[in-house]
C-alpha atoms as a PDB file:
ATOM      1  CA  UNK A   1    -108.592 -18.418   6.263  1.00  0.00           C
ATOM      2  CA  UNK A   2    -106.875 -20.243   3.506  1.00  0.00           C
ATOM      3  CA  UNK A   3    -103.945 -17.849   3.677  1.00  0.00           C
ATOM      4  CA  UNK A   4    -103.319 -18.620   7.343  1.00  0.00           C
ATOM      5  CA  UNK A   5    -102.914 -22.347   6.640  1.00  0.00           C
ATOM      6  CA  UNK A   6    -100.214 -21.688   4.014  1.00  0.00           C
ATOM      7  CA  UNK A   7     -98.160 -19.702   6.505  1.00  0.00           C
ATOM      8  CA  UNK A   8     -98.238 -22.478   9.100  1.00  0.00           C
ATOM      9  CA  UNK A   9     -97.208 -25.198   6.657  1.00  0.00           C
ATOM     10  CA  UNK A  10     -94.179 -23.219   5.531  1.00  0.00           C
ATOM     11  CA  UNK A  11     -93.123 -22.605   9.109  1.00  0.00           C
ATOM     12  CA  UNK A  12     -93.155 -26.329   9.952  1.00  0.00           C
ATOM     13  CA  UNK A  13     -90.733 -27.366   7.168  1.00  0.00           C
ATOM     14  CA  UNK A  14     -87.251 -28.106   8.585  1.00  0.00           C
ATOM     15  CA  UNK A  15     -84.166 -28.947   6.579  1.00  0.00           C
ATOM     16  CA  UNK A  16     -81.653 -31.399   7.958  1.00  0.00           C
ATOM     17  CA  UNK A  17     -77.930 -30.480   7.771  1.00  0.00           C
ATOM     18  CA  UNK A  18     -75.312 -33.195   8.006  1.00  0.00           C
ATOM     19  CA  UNK A  19     -71.881 -32.451   9.508  1.00  0.00           C
ATOM     20  CA  UNK A  20     -68.856 -33.754   7.671  1.00  0.00           C
ATOM     21  CA  UNK A  21     -65.565 -34.023   9.572  1.00  0.00           C
ATOM     22  CA  UNK A  22     -62.335 -33.593   7.643  1.00  0.00           C
ATOM     23  CA  UNK A  23     -59.180 -34.998   9.250  1.00  0.00           C
ATOM     24  CA  UNK A  24     -55.846 -33.256   8.874  1.00  0.00           C
ATOM     25  CA  UNK A  25     -53.006 -35.273   7.312  1.00  0.00           C
ATOM     26  CA  UNK A  26     -50.761 -37.050   9.813  1.00  0.00           C
ATOM     27  CA  UNK A  27     -47.363 -35.595  10.791  1.00  0.00           C
ATOM     28  CA  UNK A  28     -45.555 -38.772   9.719  1.00  0.00           C
ATOM     29  CA  UNK A  29     -45.888 -37.832   6.065  1.00  0.00           C
ATOM     30  CA  UNK A  30     -44.000 -34.547   6.615  1.00  0.00           C
ATOM     31  CA  UNK A  31     -40.857 -36.136   8.116  1.00  0.00           C
ATOM     32  CA  UNK A  32     -39.562 -37.703   4.868  1.00  0.00           C
ATOM     33  CA  UNK A  33     -39.820 -34.333   3.118  1.00  0.00           C
ATOM     34  CA  UNK A  34     -37.321 -32.834   5.595  1.00  0.00           C
ATOM     35  CA  UNK A  35     -34.807 -35.604   4.896  1.00  0.00           C
ATOM     36  CA  UNK A  36     -35.070 -34.972   1.183  1.00  0.00           C
ATOM     37  CA  UNK A  37     -34.375 -31.272   1.736  1.00  0.00           C
ATOM     38  CA  UNK A  38     -31.161 -31.962   3.663  1.00  0.00           C
ATOM     39  CA  UNK A  39     -30.009 -34.379   0.994  1.00  0.00           C
ATOM     40  CA  UNK A  40     -30.540 -31.690  -1.617  1.00  0.00           C
ATOM     41  CA  UNK A  41     -28.462 -29.210   0.410  1.00  0.00           C
ATOM     42  CA  UNK A  42     -25.578 -31.677   0.614  1.00  0.00           C
ATOM     43  CA  UNK A  43     -25.700 -32.271  -3.114  1.00  0.00           C
ATOM     44  CA  UNK A  44     -25.543 -28.560  -3.926  1.00  0.00           C
ATOM     45  CA  UNK A  45     -22.697 -28.073  -1.440  1.00  0.00           C
ATOM     46  CA  UNK A  46     -20.737 -30.829  -3.138  1.00  0.00           C
ATOM     47  CA  UNK A  47     -21.245 -29.151  -6.500  1.00  0.00           C
ATOM     48  CA  UNK A  48     -19.933 -25.847  -5.144  1.00  0.00           C
ATOM     49  CA  UNK A  49     -16.776 -27.488  -3.833  1.00  0.00           C
ATOM     50  CA  UNK A  50     -15.948 -29.123  -7.164  1.00  0.00           C
ATOM     51  CA  UNK A  51     -16.140 -25.835  -9.054  1.00  0.00           C
ATOM     52  CA  UNK A  52     -12.972 -23.948  -8.188  1.00  0.00           C
ATOM     53  CA  UNK A  53     -11.848 -20.755  -9.806  1.00  0.00           C
ATOM     54  CA  UNK A  54      -8.184 -20.487 -10.601  1.00  0.00           C
ATOM     55  CA  UNK A  55      -6.291 -17.302 -11.259  1.00  0.00           C
ATOM     56  CA  UNK A  56      -3.167 -17.552 -13.379  1.00  0.00           C
ATOM     57  CA  UNK A  57      -0.732 -14.649 -13.232  1.00  0.00           C
ATOM     58  CA  UNK A  58       1.899 -14.557 -15.956  1.00  0.00           C
ATOM     59  CA  UNK A  59       5.012 -12.395 -15.912  1.00  0.00           C
ATOM     60  CA  UNK A  60       6.280 -11.335 -19.335  1.00  0.00           C
ATOM     61  CA  UNK A  61       9.619  -9.652 -19.913  1.00  0.00           C
ATOM     62  CA  UNK A  62      11.538  -9.212 -23.196  1.00  0.00           C
ATOM     63  CA  UNK A  63       9.898 -12.130 -24.969  1.00  0.00           C
ATOM     64  CA  UNK A  64      10.058 -14.479 -21.971  1.00  0.00           C
ATOM     65  CA  UNK A  65       7.171 -15.491 -19.773  1.00  0.00           C
ATOM     66  CA  UNK A  66       6.584 -17.491 -16.588  1.00  0.00           C
ATOM     67  CA  UNK A  67       3.613 -17.975 -14.278  1.00  0.00           C
ATOM     68  CA  UNK A  68       3.662 -17.021 -10.621  1.00  0.00           C
ATOM     69  CA  UNK A  69       2.803 -20.628  -9.719  1.00  0.00           C
ATOM     70  CA  UNK A  70       5.934 -21.797 -11.549  1.00  0.00           C
ATOM     71  CA  UNK A  71       8.050 -19.279  -9.643  1.00  0.00           C
ATOM     72  CA  UNK A  72       6.615 -20.540  -6.371  1.00  0.00           C
ATOM     73  CA  UNK A  73       7.366 -24.159  -7.357  1.00  0.00           C
ATOM     74  CA  UNK A  74      10.977 -23.226  -8.234  1.00  0.00           C
ATOM     75  CA  UNK A  75      11.400 -21.465  -4.884  1.00  0.00           C
ATOM     76  CA  UNK A  76      10.073 -24.460  -2.942  1.00  0.00           C
ATOM     77  CA  UNK A  77      12.267 -26.843  -4.955  1.00  0.00           C
ATOM     78  CA  UNK A  78      15.343 -24.719  -4.202  1.00  0.00           C
ATOM     79  CA  UNK A  79      14.442 -24.680  -0.490  1.00  0.00           C
ATOM     80  CA  UNK A  80      14.109 -28.480  -0.435  1.00  0.00           C
ATOM     81  CA  UNK A  81      17.360 -28.835  -2.416  1.00  0.00           C
ATOM     82  CA  UNK A  82      19.121 -26.914   0.382  1.00  0.00           C
ATOM     83  CA  UNK A  83      18.145 -29.734   2.775  1.00  0.00           C
ATOM     84  CA  UNK A  84      14.943 -28.353   4.267  1.00  0.00           C
ATOM     85  CA  UNK A  85      11.454 -29.876   4.349  1.00  0.00           C
ATOM     86  CA  UNK A  86       8.706 -28.215   2.343  1.00  0.00           C
ATOM     87  CA  UNK A  87       6.267 -28.780   5.229  1.00  0.00           C
ATOM     88  CA  UNK A  88       8.262 -26.345   7.398  1.00  0.00           C
ATOM     89  CA  UNK A  89       7.321 -23.383   5.188  1.00  0.00           C
ATOM     90  CA  UNK A  90       4.992 -21.111   7.142  1.00  0.00           C
ATOM     91  CA  UNK A  91       5.582 -17.807   5.381  1.00  0.00           C
ATOM     92  CA  UNK A  92       6.878 -17.295   1.856  1.00  0.00           C
ATOM     93  CA  UNK A  93       7.727 -13.913   0.362  1.00  0.00           C
ATOM     94  CA  UNK A  94       8.831 -13.779  -3.261  1.00  0.00           C
ATOM     95  CA  UNK A  95      10.293 -10.709  -4.966  1.00  0.00           C
ATOM     96  CA  UNK A  96      10.386 -10.908  -8.774  1.00  0.00           C
ATOM     97  CA  UNK A  97      13.009  -8.863 -10.628  1.00  0.00           C
ATOM     98  CA  UNK A  98      12.489  -9.539 -14.337  1.00  0.00           C
ATOM     99  CA  UNK A  99      15.380  -7.250 -15.355  1.00  0.00           C
ATOM    100  CA  UNK A 100      17.734  -9.636 -13.500  1.00  0.00           C
ATOM    101  CA  UNK A 101      15.796 -12.725 -14.680  1.00  0.00           C
ATOM    102  CA  UNK A 102      15.544 -13.770 -11.048  1.00  0.00           C
ATOM    103  CA  UNK A 103      13.206 -14.089  -8.101  1.00  0.00           C
ATOM    104  CA  UNK A 104      14.411 -13.587  -4.550  1.00  0.00           C
ATOM    105  CA  UNK A 105      12.664 -15.264  -1.648  1.00  0.00           C
ATOM    106  CA  UNK A 106      12.444 -15.162   2.143  1.00  0.00           C
ATOM    107  CA  UNK A 107      11.023 -18.202   3.925  1.00  0.00           C
ATOM    108  CA  UNK A 108       9.830 -18.002   7.551  1.00  0.00           C
ATOM    109  CA  UNK A 109      11.682 -14.666   7.922  1.00  0.00           C
ATOM    110  CA  UNK A 110      14.880 -16.726   8.246  1.00  0.00           C
ATOM    111  CA  UNK A 111      15.980 -18.348   4.982  1.00  0.00           C
ATOM    112  CA  UNK A 112      16.766 -16.355   1.845  1.00  0.00           C
ATOM    113  CA  UNK A 113      17.731 -17.277  -1.667  1.00  0.00           C
ATOM    114  CA  UNK A 114      17.428 -16.652  -5.371  1.00  0.00           C
ATOM    115  CA  UNK A 115      16.065 -18.658  -8.311  1.00  0.00           C
ATOM    116  CA  UNK A 116      16.338 -17.887 -11.998  1.00  0.00           C
ATOM    117  CA  UNK A 117      13.093 -17.264 -13.816  1.00  0.00           C
ATOM    118  CA  UNK A 118      13.847 -18.228 -17.417  1.00  0.00           C
END
């Protein structure tokens, strides 16, 4: 009978389990993180705008050289010297003829002229 008593004492033992509740973090803490992300985007956009690539095209002919930007400036200066406003230029076509040392231009499909390159 001694073995029967051991079985009953083991059956009566009960362990207590405690429940622990864990609360999720509040949504208020997430809002400042979004503002920081938008600020970062603006900063990177500003950096992209400041870095500009520039292409320089140079025309060389018989020991002389001139950039395309300089030719364009000469054409606009000649147009303004003829009594026009530079702000009225909508289209500008330039034809470079290095063998004549000149560039011919057509502005707004109406005004034509010539400037010397060198």
